[in-house]
Amino acid sequence: MGIEYPGAAEGRSAPELENAAWASVEVPLSPQRLHDFLADTGRLFRLNPHLEIEAWLPQDAGTRTYRWSALNETNGCRSEVCMRAEALVENAGWTLHYDAGLKRATEFRIAAAAGGSLLTVTDHYHPVPNGSDERLKEVDRSLIPWTGAIRRHLAGLARFGGMPGYRWWMECVMLGMPPRQRRIVRMIVWVSVLEFVVFLFVALIYVLESGRS
C-alpha cells in the first residue's frame, strides 16, 4: 500500500514505509508523559471513535498481552485478535503486535516537539500482492479519526483536567460507551447548552424590557 494518510504534521516528512499507513499530530504532553499515557492500551483503543469494543480481556500482565474483539465502523469488519504491547527503546513509544488479520502491528512513535510531543501512529500490514485480494477490505480507515481523537482528548485534559469530575466523565463515562452512544450524548449535551443559551438570551430581553416599563 505505502499510502500516506492526510493529516501528517505540516512541514514534517512521513516515514518511507511500504505496506503501511500513518498519521502524525502534535500533543500537549512531554514525551515521557505521553509514553505513560499510551501504556494504557484499553483506554487508547476506546478513544478510537469508529471502533466498537465488544470484549477486552487481559491475558498476561507480564508480557502485556490482551485478547479483544471489536467492530470497525469504517470498513464493517469484526476482528478478534490477541495483541501484545512492546515498548520502544528509550520510551520512544509502543508497538502493538497482532496475531491475526491483515494488520500485523500498530506503532505509536514519540518525538519531542515545541509545546509537547509529536505522535506518529503507523499501521503496518502484511503484503498483499494481488490488488483484488478480499483481505484489502480489512484496511483500517479509522487511523486519522483515531489520531485526532487522541489529540483532542489530551488537549481537553490539559485544558480542563483540573475541573472536578472532568477526567471521570471523559474516561469512565464517555469511553465506557460504544462510539454511537458517545456521539448521541455529545449531541444531547450541545443541544442542551444551546437551549440554555437561548433561555438566558430570552431572560435577558425580558429583564431589559421590564426595566423600561
N, C-alpha and C. Protein backbone atom coordinates (compact mmCIF):
# COMPACT_ATOMS: atom_id res chain seq x y z
N MET A 1 0.83 -1.21 0.00
CA MET A 1 0.00 0.00 0.00
C MET A 1 0.87 1.25 0.00
N GLY A 2 1.66 1.48 1.03
CA GLY A 2 2.54 2.63 1.04
C GLY A 2 1.80 3.94 0.93
N ILE A 3 0.63 4.06 1.56
CA ILE A 3 -0.19 5.25 1.44
C ILE A 3 0.09 6.20 2.59
N GLU A 4 0.34 7.47 2.30
CA GLU A 4 0.44 8.46 3.35
C GLU A 4 -0.94 9.06 3.55
N TYR A 5 -1.51 8.84 4.72
CA TYR A 5 -2.82 9.40 5.01
C TYR A 5 -2.71 10.91 5.17
N PRO A 6 -3.72 11.66 4.76
CA PRO A 6 -3.73 13.09 5.06
C PRO A 6 -3.72 13.28 6.56
N GLY A 7 -3.19 14.41 7.00
CA GLY A 7 -3.21 14.70 8.42
C GLY A 7 -1.83 14.59 9.05
N ALA A 8 -0.82 14.25 8.27
CA ALA A 8 0.52 14.26 8.83
C ALA A 8 0.87 15.70 9.20
N ALA A 9 1.68 15.86 10.23
CA ALA A 9 2.01 17.20 10.72
C ALA A 9 2.61 18.02 9.60
N GLU A 10 2.15 19.24 9.44
CA GLU A 10 2.59 20.11 8.36
C GLU A 10 4.07 20.39 8.52
N GLY A 11 4.79 20.29 7.38
CA GLY A 11 6.21 20.57 7.38
C GLY A 11 7.08 19.43 7.83
N ARG A 12 6.50 18.27 8.10
CA ARG A 12 7.27 17.11 8.54
C ARG A 12 7.08 15.98 7.54
N SER A 13 8.17 15.30 7.23
CA SER A 13 8.08 14.20 6.26
C SER A 13 7.60 12.94 6.95
N ALA A 14 6.73 12.19 6.29
CA ALA A 14 6.24 10.93 6.83
C ALA A 14 7.27 9.84 6.59
N PRO A 15 7.28 8.80 7.37
CA PRO A 15 8.25 7.72 7.19
C PRO A 15 8.06 7.03 5.85
N GLU A 16 9.17 6.63 5.26
CA GLU A 16 9.13 5.93 3.98
C GLU A 16 8.92 4.45 4.25
N LEU A 17 7.68 4.01 4.21
CA LEU A 17 7.34 2.64 4.55
C LEU A 17 6.45 2.05 3.47
N GLU A 18 6.62 0.76 3.24
CA GLU A 18 5.73 0.04 2.35
C GLU A 18 4.73 -0.73 3.20
N ASN A 19 3.56 -1.00 2.60
CA ASN A 19 2.51 -1.74 3.31
C ASN A 19 2.19 -1.09 4.65
N ALA A 20 2.09 0.22 4.65
CA ALA A 20 1.83 0.93 5.89
C ALA A 20 1.04 2.20 5.60
N ALA A 21 0.35 2.68 6.62
CA ALA A 21 -0.34 3.97 6.56
C ALA A 21 -0.06 4.68 7.88
N TRP A 22 0.03 6.00 7.87
CA TRP A 22 0.41 6.71 9.07
C TRP A 22 -0.22 8.09 9.14
N ALA A 23 -0.22 8.63 10.33
CA ALA A 23 -0.69 10.00 10.55
C ALA A 23 0.05 10.54 11.76
N SER A 24 0.29 11.85 11.78
CA SER A 24 1.03 12.47 12.88
C SER A 24 0.28 13.68 13.41
N VAL A 25 0.38 13.88 14.73
CA VAL A 25 -0.21 15.06 15.37
C VAL A 25 0.70 15.51 16.50
N GLU A 26 0.63 16.79 16.82
CA GLU A 26 1.34 17.31 17.98
C GLU A 26 0.38 17.33 19.16
N VAL A 27 0.87 16.90 20.31
CA VAL A 27 0.02 16.81 21.51
C VAL A 27 0.71 17.55 22.66
N PRO A 28 -0.10 18.10 23.60
CA PRO A 28 0.47 18.91 24.69
C PRO A 28 0.92 18.09 25.89
N LEU A 29 1.76 17.09 25.64
CA LEU A 29 2.33 16.29 26.71
C LEU A 29 3.82 16.09 26.44
N SER A 30 4.62 16.03 27.49
CA SER A 30 6.03 15.72 27.32
C SER A 30 6.17 14.30 26.79
N PRO A 31 7.29 13.97 26.13
CA PRO A 31 7.46 12.60 25.61
C PRO A 31 7.29 11.52 26.67
N GLN A 32 7.82 11.73 27.89
CA GLN A 32 7.69 10.70 28.93
C GLN A 32 6.24 10.54 29.36
N ARG A 33 5.53 11.65 29.55
CA ARG A 33 4.13 11.57 29.97
C ARG A 33 3.26 10.96 28.87
N LEU A 34 3.59 11.26 27.62
CA LEU A 34 2.84 10.66 26.51
C LEU A 34 3.09 9.16 26.46
N HIS A 35 4.33 8.75 26.67
CA HIS A 35 4.65 7.33 26.69
C HIS A 35 3.82 6.62 27.77
N ASP A 36 3.73 7.22 28.95
CA ASP A 36 2.96 6.62 30.04
C ASP A 36 1.46 6.59 29.70
N PHE A 37 0.97 7.63 29.04
CA PHE A 37 -0.44 7.66 28.65
C PHE A 37 -0.75 6.54 27.67
N LEU A 38 0.12 6.33 26.71
CA LEU A 38 -0.10 5.30 25.69
C LEU A 38 0.00 3.88 26.27
N ALA A 39 0.59 3.75 27.46
CA ALA A 39 0.73 2.42 28.06
C ALA A 39 -0.62 1.80 28.41
N ASP A 40 -1.65 2.64 28.60
CA ASP A 40 -2.99 2.14 28.89
C ASP A 40 -3.66 1.82 27.55
N THR A 41 -3.43 0.61 27.05
CA THR A 41 -3.92 0.27 25.71
C THR A 41 -5.45 0.16 25.65
N GLY A 42 -6.07 -0.22 26.77
CA GLY A 42 -7.53 -0.28 26.79
C GLY A 42 -8.14 1.08 26.54
N ARG A 43 -7.66 2.10 27.25
CA ARG A 43 -8.13 3.46 27.03
C ARG A 43 -7.79 3.93 25.63
N LEU A 44 -6.61 3.59 25.17
CA LEU A 44 -6.14 4.01 23.85
C LEU A 44 -7.08 3.54 22.75
N PHE A 45 -7.48 2.26 22.79
CA PHE A 45 -8.35 1.72 21.75
C PHE A 45 -9.78 2.27 21.88
N ARG A 46 -10.22 2.54 23.09
CA ARG A 46 -11.57 3.10 23.25
C ARG A 46 -11.65 4.54 22.77
N LEU A 47 -10.51 5.21 22.65
CA LEU A 47 -10.50 6.55 22.10
C LEU A 47 -10.79 6.56 20.60
N ASN A 48 -10.63 5.41 19.94
CA ASN A 48 -10.93 5.34 18.51
C ASN A 48 -12.44 5.55 18.31
N PRO A 49 -12.85 6.64 17.63
CA PRO A 49 -14.28 6.95 17.52
C PRO A 49 -15.04 6.06 16.57
N HIS A 50 -14.35 5.10 15.92
CA HIS A 50 -15.03 4.20 14.99
C HIS A 50 -14.80 2.73 15.32
N LEU A 51 -14.31 2.46 16.53
CA LEU A 51 -14.05 1.08 16.93
C LEU A 51 -14.95 0.74 18.11
N GLU A 52 -15.88 -0.18 17.90
CA GLU A 52 -16.79 -0.60 18.96
C GLU A 52 -16.22 -1.83 19.65
N ILE A 53 -15.66 -1.63 20.84
CA ILE A 53 -15.04 -2.72 21.59
C ILE A 53 -16.14 -3.62 22.15
N GLU A 54 -16.09 -4.90 21.79
CA GLU A 54 -17.08 -5.87 22.27
C GLU A 54 -16.56 -6.67 23.45
N ALA A 55 -15.24 -6.90 23.49
CA ALA A 55 -14.63 -7.63 24.61
C ALA A 55 -13.17 -7.21 24.71
N TRP A 56 -12.71 -7.07 25.96
CA TRP A 56 -11.30 -6.71 26.20
C TRP A 56 -10.82 -7.53 27.40
N LEU A 57 -9.96 -8.52 27.13
CA LEU A 57 -9.57 -9.47 28.16
C LEU A 57 -8.05 -9.51 28.30
N PRO A 58 -7.49 -8.98 29.40
CA PRO A 58 -6.05 -9.11 29.64
C PRO A 58 -5.67 -10.59 29.73
N GLN A 59 -4.59 -10.97 29.07
CA GLN A 59 -4.15 -12.36 29.07
C GLN A 59 -2.93 -12.59 29.95
N ASP A 60 -1.95 -11.68 29.85
CA ASP A 60 -0.71 -11.86 30.60
C ASP A 60 -0.16 -10.48 30.92
N ALA A 61 -0.22 -10.09 32.22
CA ALA A 61 0.25 -8.77 32.61
C ALA A 61 1.75 -8.61 32.39
N GLY A 62 2.51 -9.71 32.55
CA GLY A 62 3.95 -9.63 32.39
C GLY A 62 4.38 -9.29 30.97
N THR A 63 3.72 -9.89 30.00
CA THR A 63 4.06 -9.62 28.60
C THR A 63 3.13 -8.59 27.97
N ARG A 64 2.22 -8.02 28.76
CA ARG A 64 1.27 -7.01 28.28
C ARG A 64 0.51 -7.54 27.05
N THR A 65 -0.10 -8.71 27.23
CA THR A 65 -0.85 -9.36 26.16
C THR A 65 -2.34 -9.28 26.46
N TYR A 66 -3.14 -8.97 25.42
CA TYR A 66 -4.58 -8.82 25.57
C TYR A 66 -5.28 -9.55 24.42
N ARG A 67 -6.47 -10.05 24.70
CA ARG A 67 -7.33 -10.57 23.64
C ARG A 67 -8.57 -9.70 23.60
N TRP A 68 -8.89 -9.21 22.41
CA TRP A 68 -10.05 -8.34 22.27
C TRP A 68 -10.77 -8.59 20.95
N SER A 69 -12.04 -8.23 20.95
CA SER A 69 -12.84 -8.29 19.72
C SER A 69 -13.54 -6.95 19.57
N ALA A 70 -13.71 -6.53 18.32
CA ALA A 70 -14.29 -5.22 18.07
C ALA A 70 -14.84 -5.15 16.65
N LEU A 71 -15.76 -4.22 16.45
CA LEU A 71 -16.31 -3.93 15.13
C LEU A 71 -15.79 -2.58 14.69
N ASN A 72 -15.18 -2.54 13.51
CA ASN A 72 -14.67 -1.30 12.94
C ASN A 72 -15.73 -0.72 12.02
N GLU A 73 -16.26 0.45 12.37
CA GLU A 73 -17.34 1.06 11.60
C GLU A 73 -16.89 1.51 10.22
N THR A 74 -15.60 1.79 10.03
CA THR A 74 -15.13 2.35 8.76
C THR A 74 -15.04 1.31 7.65
N ASN A 75 -14.85 0.04 8.01
CA ASN A 75 -14.79 -0.99 6.96
C ASN A 75 -15.79 -2.11 7.18
N GLY A 76 -16.55 -2.06 8.28
CA GLY A 76 -17.56 -3.07 8.55
C GLY A 76 -17.01 -4.41 8.99
N CYS A 77 -15.70 -4.47 9.29
CA CYS A 77 -15.08 -5.74 9.67
C CYS A 77 -15.06 -5.92 11.18
N ARG A 78 -15.34 -7.14 11.60
CA ARG A 78 -15.25 -7.51 13.01
C ARG A 78 -13.96 -8.29 13.22
N SER A 79 -13.18 -7.88 14.21
CA SER A 79 -11.88 -8.50 14.46
C SER A 79 -11.86 -9.16 15.83
N GLU A 80 -11.16 -10.27 15.93
CA GLU A 80 -10.88 -10.91 17.21
C GLU A 80 -9.42 -11.32 17.18
N VAL A 81 -8.61 -10.63 17.96
CA VAL A 81 -7.17 -10.85 17.89
C VAL A 81 -6.57 -10.92 19.28
N CYS A 82 -5.38 -11.49 19.32
CA CYS A 82 -4.55 -11.44 20.51
C CYS A 82 -3.47 -10.41 20.23
N MET A 83 -3.29 -9.46 21.13
CA MET A 83 -2.39 -8.33 20.90
C MET A 83 -1.34 -8.27 22.00
N ARG A 84 -0.09 -8.01 21.61
CA ARG A 84 1.00 -7.85 22.57
C ARG A 84 1.59 -6.46 22.43
N ALA A 85 1.70 -5.74 23.56
CA ALA A 85 2.25 -4.38 23.55
C ALA A 85 3.73 -4.44 23.92
N GLU A 86 4.56 -3.82 23.09
CA GLU A 86 6.00 -3.82 23.31
C GLU A 86 6.51 -2.38 23.32
N ALA A 87 7.21 -1.98 24.38
CA ALA A 87 7.75 -0.63 24.49
C ALA A 87 8.94 -0.46 23.56
N LEU A 88 9.01 0.68 22.88
CA LEU A 88 10.18 1.00 22.06
C LEU A 88 11.33 1.43 22.97
N VAL A 89 12.52 1.40 22.45
CA VAL A 89 13.69 1.74 23.26
C VAL A 89 13.61 3.19 23.70
N GLU A 90 14.14 3.47 24.88
CA GLU A 90 14.23 4.82 25.45
C GLU A 90 12.86 5.49 25.55
N ASN A 91 11.83 4.69 25.83
CA ASN A 91 10.47 5.22 25.99
C ASN A 91 10.03 6.07 24.81
N ALA A 92 10.41 5.63 23.62
CA ALA A 92 10.06 6.38 22.41
C ALA A 92 8.70 6.00 21.86
N GLY A 93 7.93 5.20 22.62
CA GLY A 93 6.60 4.82 22.16
C GLY A 93 6.33 3.35 22.38
N TRP A 94 5.35 2.84 21.64
CA TRP A 94 4.92 1.45 21.79
C TRP A 94 4.64 0.86 20.41
N THR A 95 4.84 -0.45 20.31
CA THR A 95 4.40 -1.21 19.14
C THR A 95 3.42 -2.28 19.61
N LEU A 96 2.26 -2.33 18.96
CA LEU A 96 1.24 -3.33 19.29
C LEU A 96 1.24 -4.37 18.18
N HIS A 97 1.51 -5.62 18.54
CA HIS A 97 1.59 -6.71 17.58
C HIS A 97 0.30 -7.53 17.61
N TYR A 98 -0.24 -7.86 16.43
CA TYR A 98 -1.49 -8.62 16.33
C TYR A 98 -1.19 -10.01 15.77
N ASP A 99 -1.95 -11.00 16.25
CA ASP A 99 -1.70 -12.38 15.81
C ASP A 99 -2.63 -12.81 14.68
N ALA A 100 -3.53 -11.94 14.25
CA ALA A 100 -4.48 -12.31 13.19
C ALA A 100 -4.89 -11.07 12.41
N GLY A 101 -5.36 -11.29 11.18
CA GLY A 101 -5.84 -10.19 10.35
C GLY A 101 -4.77 -9.64 9.43
N LEU A 102 -5.20 -8.74 8.54
CA LEU A 102 -4.27 -8.13 7.59
C LEU A 102 -3.29 -7.19 8.27
N LYS A 103 -3.75 -6.49 9.29
CA LYS A 103 -2.87 -5.57 10.02
C LYS A 103 -1.99 -6.37 10.97
N ARG A 104 -0.68 -6.21 10.84
CA ARG A 104 0.22 -7.00 11.69
C ARG A 104 0.69 -6.23 12.92
N ALA A 105 0.69 -4.89 12.86
CA ALA A 105 1.16 -4.11 14.00
C ALA A 105 0.72 -2.66 13.87
N THR A 106 0.63 -1.99 15.01
CA THR A 106 0.43 -0.55 15.05
C THR A 106 1.52 0.04 15.92
N GLU A 107 2.20 1.03 15.40
CA GLU A 107 3.32 1.65 16.11
C GLU A 107 2.95 3.08 16.51
N PHE A 108 3.17 3.40 17.78
CA PHE A 108 2.99 4.76 18.30
C PHE A 108 4.38 5.29 18.62
N ARG A 109 4.90 6.16 17.77
CA ARG A 109 6.26 6.67 17.95
C ARG A 109 6.22 8.12 18.42
N ILE A 110 7.03 8.42 19.42
CA ILE A 110 7.03 9.73 20.07
C ILE A 110 8.33 10.47 19.76
N ALA A 111 8.20 11.75 19.46
CA ALA A 111 9.36 12.61 19.29
C ALA A 111 9.08 13.94 19.99
N ALA A 112 10.13 14.55 20.52
CA ALA A 112 9.96 15.84 21.18
C ALA A 112 9.57 16.90 20.17
N ALA A 113 8.71 17.83 20.59
CA ALA A 113 8.26 18.92 19.73
C ALA A 113 8.01 20.15 20.60
N ALA A 114 7.96 21.31 19.96
CA ALA A 114 7.70 22.54 20.70
C ALA A 114 6.32 22.47 21.35
N GLY A 115 6.26 22.67 22.64
CA GLY A 115 4.99 22.65 23.35
C GLY A 115 4.51 21.28 23.72
N GLY A 116 5.32 20.24 23.50
CA GLY A 116 4.87 18.90 23.84
C GLY A 116 5.61 17.82 23.07
N SER A 117 4.84 17.00 22.34
CA SER A 117 5.42 15.88 21.60
C SER A 117 4.75 15.74 20.24
N LEU A 118 5.47 15.13 19.33
CA LEU A 118 4.91 14.73 18.05
C LEU A 118 4.63 13.24 18.11
N LEU A 119 3.38 12.86 17.92
CA LEU A 119 2.98 11.46 17.94
C LEU A 119 2.70 11.00 16.52
N THR A 120 3.38 9.96 16.08
CA THR A 120 3.15 9.37 14.76
C THR A 120 2.60 7.96 14.95
N VAL A 121 1.42 7.73 14.43
CA VAL A 121 0.77 6.42 14.54
C VAL A 121 0.85 5.75 13.17
N THR A 122 1.42 4.56 13.13
CA THR A 122 1.63 3.84 11.87
C THR A 122 1.00 2.46 11.94
N ASP A 123 0.14 2.15 10.99
CA ASP A 123 -0.42 0.80 10.84
C ASP A 123 0.43 0.04 9.83
N HIS A 124 0.95 -1.10 10.24
CA HIS A 124 1.75 -1.96 9.36
C HIS A 124 0.88 -3.15 8.92
N TYR A 125 0.89 -3.43 7.63
CA TYR A 125 0.07 -4.50 7.07
C TYR A 125 0.93 -5.59 6.45
N HIS A 126 0.38 -6.79 6.41
CA HIS A 126 1.03 -7.87 5.67
C HIS A 126 0.96 -7.55 4.17
N PRO A 127 1.98 -7.92 3.40
CA PRO A 127 1.95 -7.65 1.97
C PRO A 127 0.77 -8.35 1.29
N VAL A 128 0.14 -7.65 0.35
CA VAL A 128 -0.95 -8.21 -0.44
C VAL A 128 -0.59 -8.01 -1.91
N PRO A 129 -0.04 -9.04 -2.56
CA PRO A 129 0.43 -8.86 -3.94
C PRO A 129 -0.70 -8.65 -4.95
N ASN A 130 -1.87 -9.15 -4.66
CA ASN A 130 -3.00 -9.07 -5.59
C ASN A 130 -3.93 -7.94 -5.16
N GLY A 131 -4.11 -6.94 -6.05
CA GLY A 131 -4.95 -5.80 -5.72
C GLY A 131 -6.41 -6.12 -5.55
N SER A 132 -6.84 -7.29 -5.99
CA SER A 132 -8.24 -7.69 -5.84
C SER A 132 -8.45 -8.63 -4.67
N ASP A 133 -7.42 -8.80 -3.83
CA ASP A 133 -7.50 -9.69 -2.68
C ASP A 133 -8.60 -9.23 -1.74
N GLU A 134 -9.43 -10.16 -1.29
CA GLU A 134 -10.54 -9.84 -0.40
C GLU A 134 -10.06 -9.26 0.93
N ARG A 135 -8.83 -9.58 1.30
CA ARG A 135 -8.33 -9.10 2.59
C ARG A 135 -8.14 -7.59 2.62
N LEU A 136 -8.09 -6.94 1.46
CA LEU A 136 -7.90 -5.49 1.42
C LEU A 136 -9.06 -4.74 2.07
N LYS A 137 -10.21 -5.39 2.18
CA LYS A 137 -11.34 -4.72 2.84
C LYS A 137 -11.05 -4.52 4.33
N GLU A 138 -10.02 -5.20 4.87
CA GLU A 138 -9.67 -5.05 6.28
C GLU A 138 -8.83 -3.81 6.55
N VAL A 139 -8.43 -3.09 5.49
CA VAL A 139 -7.63 -1.87 5.71
C VAL A 139 -8.41 -0.92 6.62
N ASP A 140 -7.77 -0.47 7.67
CA ASP A 140 -8.43 0.35 8.69
C ASP A 140 -8.47 1.82 8.25
N ARG A 141 -9.69 2.34 8.05
CA ARG A 141 -9.85 3.73 7.64
C ARG A 141 -10.05 4.66 8.83
N SER A 142 -9.91 4.13 10.04
CA SER A 142 -10.14 4.96 11.22
C SER A 142 -8.85 5.59 11.76
N LEU A 143 -7.74 5.44 11.05
CA LEU A 143 -6.46 5.90 11.57
C LEU A 143 -6.45 7.40 11.84
N ILE A 144 -6.91 8.20 10.88
CA ILE A 144 -6.91 9.66 11.06
C ILE A 144 -7.88 10.07 12.16
N PRO A 145 -9.15 9.60 12.16
CA PRO A 145 -10.03 9.96 13.27
C PRO A 145 -9.48 9.53 14.62
N TRP A 146 -8.84 8.37 14.68
CA TRP A 146 -8.28 7.88 15.93
C TRP A 146 -7.16 8.79 16.42
N THR A 147 -6.23 9.13 15.52
CA THR A 147 -5.14 10.02 15.90
C THR A 147 -5.67 11.38 16.35
N GLY A 148 -6.67 11.89 15.62
CA GLY A 148 -7.27 13.16 16.00
C GLY A 148 -7.98 13.09 17.35
N ALA A 149 -8.63 11.95 17.63
CA ALA A 149 -9.31 11.78 18.91
C ALA A 149 -8.33 11.75 20.07
N ILE A 150 -7.16 11.14 19.86
CA ILE A 150 -6.12 11.14 20.90
C ILE A 150 -5.68 12.57 21.19
N ARG A 151 -5.45 13.34 20.12
CA ARG A 151 -5.03 14.74 20.31
C ARG A 151 -6.09 15.54 21.05
N ARG A 152 -7.36 15.40 20.64
CA ARG A 152 -8.42 16.17 21.29
C ARG A 152 -8.57 15.77 22.76
N HIS A 153 -8.44 14.48 23.04
CA HIS A 153 -8.57 14.01 24.42
C HIS A 153 -7.47 14.61 25.29
N LEU A 154 -6.23 14.58 24.80
CA LEU A 154 -5.11 15.11 25.58
C LEU A 154 -5.21 16.63 25.71
N ALA A 155 -5.67 17.29 24.65
CA ALA A 155 -5.84 18.74 24.73
C ALA A 155 -6.91 19.10 25.74
N GLY A 156 -8.00 18.30 25.77
CA GLY A 156 -9.05 18.53 26.74
C GLY A 156 -8.58 18.33 28.17
N LEU A 157 -7.77 17.29 28.39
CA LEU A 157 -7.24 17.06 29.74
C LEU A 157 -6.30 18.17 30.15
N ALA A 158 -5.50 18.68 29.19
CA ALA A 158 -4.57 19.76 29.51
C ALA A 158 -5.32 21.04 29.87
N ARG A 159 -6.47 21.25 29.24
CA ARG A 159 -7.22 22.49 29.45
C ARG A 159 -8.21 22.40 30.60
N PHE A 160 -8.90 21.26 30.70
CA PHE A 160 -9.98 21.15 31.69
C PHE A 160 -9.74 20.07 32.74
N GLY A 161 -8.58 19.43 32.71
CA GLY A 161 -8.33 18.31 33.61
C GLY A 161 -8.39 18.67 35.08
N GLY A 162 -8.18 19.95 35.39
CA GLY A 162 -8.25 20.38 36.78
C GLY A 162 -9.66 20.58 37.29
N MET A 163 -10.65 20.57 36.39
CA MET A 163 -12.04 20.74 36.81
C MET A 163 -12.54 19.46 37.47
N PRO A 164 -13.21 19.56 38.62
CA PRO A 164 -13.73 18.36 39.30
C PRO A 164 -14.65 17.55 38.38
N GLY A 165 -14.38 16.27 38.28
CA GLY A 165 -15.25 15.38 37.53
C GLY A 165 -14.98 15.30 36.05
N TYR A 166 -14.11 16.19 35.49
CA TYR A 166 -13.91 16.18 34.04
C TYR A 166 -13.26 14.89 33.58
N ARG A 167 -12.16 14.49 34.20
CA ARG A 167 -11.46 13.26 33.78
C ARG A 167 -12.37 12.04 33.96
N TRP A 168 -13.10 12.00 35.09
CA TRP A 168 -14.01 10.87 35.34
C TRP A 168 -15.07 10.80 34.24
N TRP A 169 -15.64 11.94 33.86
CA TRP A 169 -16.67 11.96 32.82
C TRP A 169 -16.12 11.49 31.48
N MET A 170 -14.95 11.99 31.12
CA MET A 170 -14.39 11.67 29.80
C MET A 170 -13.88 10.24 29.73
N GLU A 171 -13.20 9.76 30.77
CA GLU A 171 -12.53 8.46 30.68
C GLU A 171 -13.34 7.31 31.26
N CYS A 172 -14.22 7.57 32.19
CA CYS A 172 -15.02 6.49 32.78
C CYS A 172 -16.40 6.41 32.16
N VAL A 173 -17.04 7.55 31.98
CA VAL A 173 -18.40 7.56 31.45
C VAL A 173 -18.38 7.50 29.92
N MET A 174 -17.76 8.48 29.27
CA MET A 174 -17.80 8.56 27.81
C MET A 174 -17.10 7.37 27.15
N LEU A 175 -15.91 7.03 27.61
CA LEU A 175 -15.18 5.93 26.98
C LEU A 175 -15.76 4.57 27.35
N GLY A 176 -16.66 4.55 28.33
CA GLY A 176 -17.35 3.30 28.65
C GLY A 176 -18.51 3.01 27.71
N MET A 177 -18.84 3.96 26.84
CA MET A 177 -19.94 3.79 25.89
C MET A 177 -19.41 3.39 24.51
N PRO A 178 -20.23 2.70 23.71
CA PRO A 178 -19.88 2.48 22.31
C PRO A 178 -19.82 3.82 21.57
N PRO A 179 -19.06 3.90 20.47
CA PRO A 179 -18.92 5.17 19.75
C PRO A 179 -20.24 5.83 19.37
N ARG A 180 -21.23 5.05 18.92
CA ARG A 180 -22.50 5.66 18.53
C ARG A 180 -23.17 6.34 19.70
N GLN A 181 -23.15 5.71 20.85
CA GLN A 181 -23.76 6.32 22.03
C GLN A 181 -23.02 7.58 22.45
N ARG A 182 -21.69 7.58 22.31
CA ARG A 182 -20.93 8.78 22.64
C ARG A 182 -21.33 9.94 21.74
N ARG A 183 -21.53 9.65 20.46
CA ARG A 183 -21.94 10.73 19.54
C ARG A 183 -23.31 11.26 19.91
N ILE A 184 -24.22 10.38 20.32
CA ILE A 184 -25.56 10.82 20.72
C ILE A 184 -25.48 11.68 21.98
N VAL A 185 -24.67 11.25 22.95
CA VAL A 185 -24.53 12.02 24.19
C VAL A 185 -23.96 13.40 23.89
N ARG A 186 -22.94 13.47 23.03
CA ARG A 186 -22.38 14.78 22.69
C ARG A 186 -23.43 15.68 22.04
N MET A 187 -24.23 15.11 21.15
CA MET A 187 -25.27 15.90 20.50
C MET A 187 -26.27 16.41 21.52
N ILE A 188 -26.68 15.54 22.47
CA ILE A 188 -27.63 15.95 23.50
C ILE A 188 -27.04 17.07 24.36
N VAL A 189 -25.75 16.94 24.71
CA VAL A 189 -25.10 17.96 25.53
C VAL A 189 -25.07 19.29 24.81
N TRP A 190 -24.69 19.27 23.51
CA TRP A 190 -24.61 20.53 22.76
C TRP A 190 -25.98 21.15 22.57
N VAL A 191 -27.00 20.33 22.33
CA VAL A 191 -28.36 20.87 22.20
C VAL A 191 -28.81 21.48 23.52
N SER A 192 -28.49 20.83 24.63
CA SER A 192 -28.86 21.36 25.94
C SER A 192 -28.15 22.68 26.21
N VAL A 193 -26.88 22.76 25.84
CA VAL A 193 -26.14 24.02 26.03
C VAL A 193 -26.76 25.12 25.18
N LEU A 194 -27.11 24.79 23.93
CA LEU A 194 -27.73 25.78 23.05
C LEU A 194 -29.07 26.25 23.61
N GLU A 195 -29.87 25.31 24.11
CA GLU A 195 -31.15 25.68 24.70
C GLU A 195 -30.96 26.59 25.92
N PHE A 196 -29.94 26.32 26.72
CA PHE A 196 -29.68 27.14 27.90
C PHE A 196 -29.25 28.55 27.49
N VAL A 197 -28.43 28.64 26.44
CA VAL A 197 -28.00 29.96 25.95
C VAL A 197 -29.20 30.74 25.44
N VAL A 198 -30.09 30.08 24.69
CA VAL A 198 -31.29 30.74 24.20
C VAL A 198 -32.16 31.20 25.37
N PHE A 199 -32.28 30.34 26.40
CA PHE A 199 -33.06 30.72 27.59
C PHE A 199 -32.48 31.97 28.24
N LEU A 200 -31.15 32.02 28.40
CA LEU A 200 -30.52 33.19 29.01
C LEU A 200 -30.75 34.44 28.16
N PHE A 201 -30.71 34.28 26.84
CA PHE A 201 -30.93 35.42 25.94
C PHE A 201 -32.35 35.95 26.09
N VAL A 202 -33.32 35.03 26.13
CA VAL A 202 -34.72 35.44 26.29
C VAL A 202 -34.92 36.09 27.66
N ALA A 203 -34.31 35.50 28.70
CA ALA A 203 -34.44 36.07 30.04
C ALA A 203 -33.84 37.47 30.10
N LEU A 204 -32.71 37.67 29.41
CA LEU A 204 -32.08 38.99 29.38
C LEU A 204 -32.99 40.01 28.71
N ILE A 205 -33.60 39.63 27.59
CA ILE A 205 -34.52 40.53 26.90
C ILE A 205 -35.70 40.88 27.82
N TYR A 206 -36.22 39.87 28.51
CA TYR A 206 -37.35 40.12 29.42
C TYR A 206 -36.98 41.11 30.51
N VAL A 207 -35.77 40.92 31.09
CA VAL A 207 -35.33 41.83 32.17
C VAL A 207 -35.17 43.24 31.64
N LEU A 208 -34.58 43.37 30.45
CA LEU A 208 -34.38 44.69 29.86
C LEU A 208 -35.71 45.38 29.56
N GLU A 209 -36.64 44.60 29.01
CA GLU A 209 -37.94 45.19 28.68
C GLU A 209 -38.71 45.55 29.96
N SER A 210 -38.58 44.75 31.01
CA SER A 210 -39.24 45.03 32.27
C SER A 210 -38.68 46.30 32.91
N GLY A 211 -37.39 46.54 32.70
CA GLY A 211 -36.75 47.71 33.27
C GLY A 211 -37.20 49.00 32.61
N ARG A 212 -37.64 48.88 31.36
CA ARG A 212 -38.09 50.08 30.62
C ARG A 212 -39.50 50.47 30.98
N SER A 213 -40.27 49.50 31.42
CA SER A 213 -41.70 49.79 31.71
C SER A 213 -41.90 50.36 33.11
